Amino acid sequence: MGILAKVADERVLDVRCNEHSLIVDLMDGRTISVPLTWYPRLLHATSEQRAKWELAGAGFGIHWPEIDEDLSTEGLLRGAPAPDAK
């Protein structure tokens, strides 16, 4: 008897922000939510700037061109805040 395991797909499906959180939906159905305070550039950006994101790194990253911010799903899943986050 074999074991069937679903392979995790950590590519980005969708990105959104609310007042306090960055929320990232992954292709495999998981959702990551982290505090905006972890990413000062996003925290201080306007809601319009936060909404203008694009996929990077074959879908394993997120880039916000207007604020020069880049995040990876690997870092988000690890729970790694920006080095300058307080």
Protein backbone atom coordinates (compact mmCIF):
# COMPACT_ATOMS: atom_id res chain seq x y z
CA MET A 1 0.00 0.00 0.00
CA GLY A 2 1.38 3.38 -1.01
CA ILE A 3 1.14 6.71 0.72
CA LEU A 4 -0.26 9.60 -1.26
CA ALA A 5 1.17 12.94 -0.27
CA LYS A 6 0.19 16.26 -1.75
CA VAL A 7 3.20 18.24 -2.83
CA ALA A 8 3.26 21.72 -1.36
CA ASP A 9 3.10 24.51 -3.94
CA GLU A 10 4.52 27.58 -2.25
CA ARG A 11 3.98 29.88 -5.23
CA VAL A 12 1.93 33.05 -4.68
CA LEU A 13 -1.70 33.06 -5.78
CA ASP A 14 -2.86 36.38 -4.29
CA VAL A 15 -1.64 39.16 -2.00
CA ARG A 16 -3.62 41.64 0.05
CA CYS A 17 -3.22 43.85 3.09
CA ASN A 18 -5.57 45.06 5.74
CA GLU A 19 -4.85 47.69 8.37
CA HIS A 20 -2.53 45.43 10.37
CA SER A 21 -1.55 42.42 8.24
CA LEU A 22 -0.02 41.21 5.02
CA ILE A 23 -2.01 38.22 3.77
CA VAL A 24 -0.61 35.90 1.09
CA ASP A 25 -2.58 33.04 -0.46
CA LEU A 26 -0.47 30.20 -1.84
CA MET A 27 -1.25 27.94 -4.79
CA ASP A 28 -1.60 24.91 -2.50
CA GLY A 29 -4.46 26.49 -0.54
CA ARG A 30 -2.53 27.79 2.46
CA THR A 31 -2.78 31.39 3.62
CA ILE A 32 0.04 33.22 5.39
CA SER A 33 -0.78 36.24 7.53
CA VAL A 34 1.98 38.32 9.11
CA PRO A 35 1.99 41.70 10.88
CA LEU A 36 2.75 44.71 8.69
CA THR A 37 5.08 45.90 11.46
CA TRP A 38 7.48 43.16 10.29
CA TYR A 39 7.93 45.02 7.00
CA PRO A 40 8.33 48.78 7.60
CA ARG A 41 8.24 49.70 3.89
CA LEU A 42 4.82 48.04 3.56
CA LEU A 43 3.66 49.48 6.88
CA HIS A 44 4.43 53.03 5.78
CA ALA A 45 3.20 52.60 2.20
CA THR A 46 -0.21 53.78 1.08
CA SER A 47 -2.94 51.22 0.49
CA GLU A 48 -2.63 52.00 -3.23
CA GLN A 49 1.10 51.24 -3.17
CA ARG A 50 0.50 47.97 -1.27
CA ALA A 51 -2.07 46.93 -3.87
CA LYS A 52 0.47 47.32 -6.72
CA TRP A 53 2.42 44.09 -6.31
CA GLU A 54 3.77 41.68 -8.89
CA LEU A 55 5.03 38.12 -8.88
CA ALA A 56 8.77 37.61 -8.72
CA GLY A 57 11.10 34.63 -8.74
CA ALA A 58 8.86 32.32 -10.80
CA GLY A 59 5.99 32.94 -8.38
CA PHE A 60 7.94 32.27 -5.17
CA GLY A 61 8.33 35.97 -4.45
CA ILE A 62 6.41 39.23 -4.31
CA HIS A 63 7.70 42.60 -5.52
CA TRP A 64 6.23 46.04 -4.81
CA PRO A 65 7.90 48.30 -7.41
CA GLU A 66 6.73 51.63 -5.98
CA ILE A 67 8.29 50.97 -2.57
CA ASP A 68 11.17 48.68 -3.68
CA GLU A 69 10.12 45.82 -1.38
CA ASP A 70 10.69 42.14 -2.14
CA LEU A 71 9.52 39.18 -0.06
CA SER A 72 9.77 35.44 -0.63
CA THR A 73 7.29 32.79 0.36
CA GLU A 74 10.20 30.93 1.97
CA GLY A 75 10.85 33.87 4.31
CA LEU A 76 7.16 34.36 5.05
CA LEU A 77 6.73 30.68 5.91
CA ARG A 78 9.82 30.82 8.13
CA GLY A 79 8.37 33.82 9.96
CA ALA A 80 11.29 36.06 9.10
CA PRO A 81 10.66 39.79 9.64
CA ALA A 82 12.73 42.40 7.79
CA PRO A 83 16.15 42.99 9.42
CA ASP A 84 15.20 46.60 10.23
CA ALA A 85 11.78 45.76 11.72
CA LYS A 86 11.38 46.84 15.32
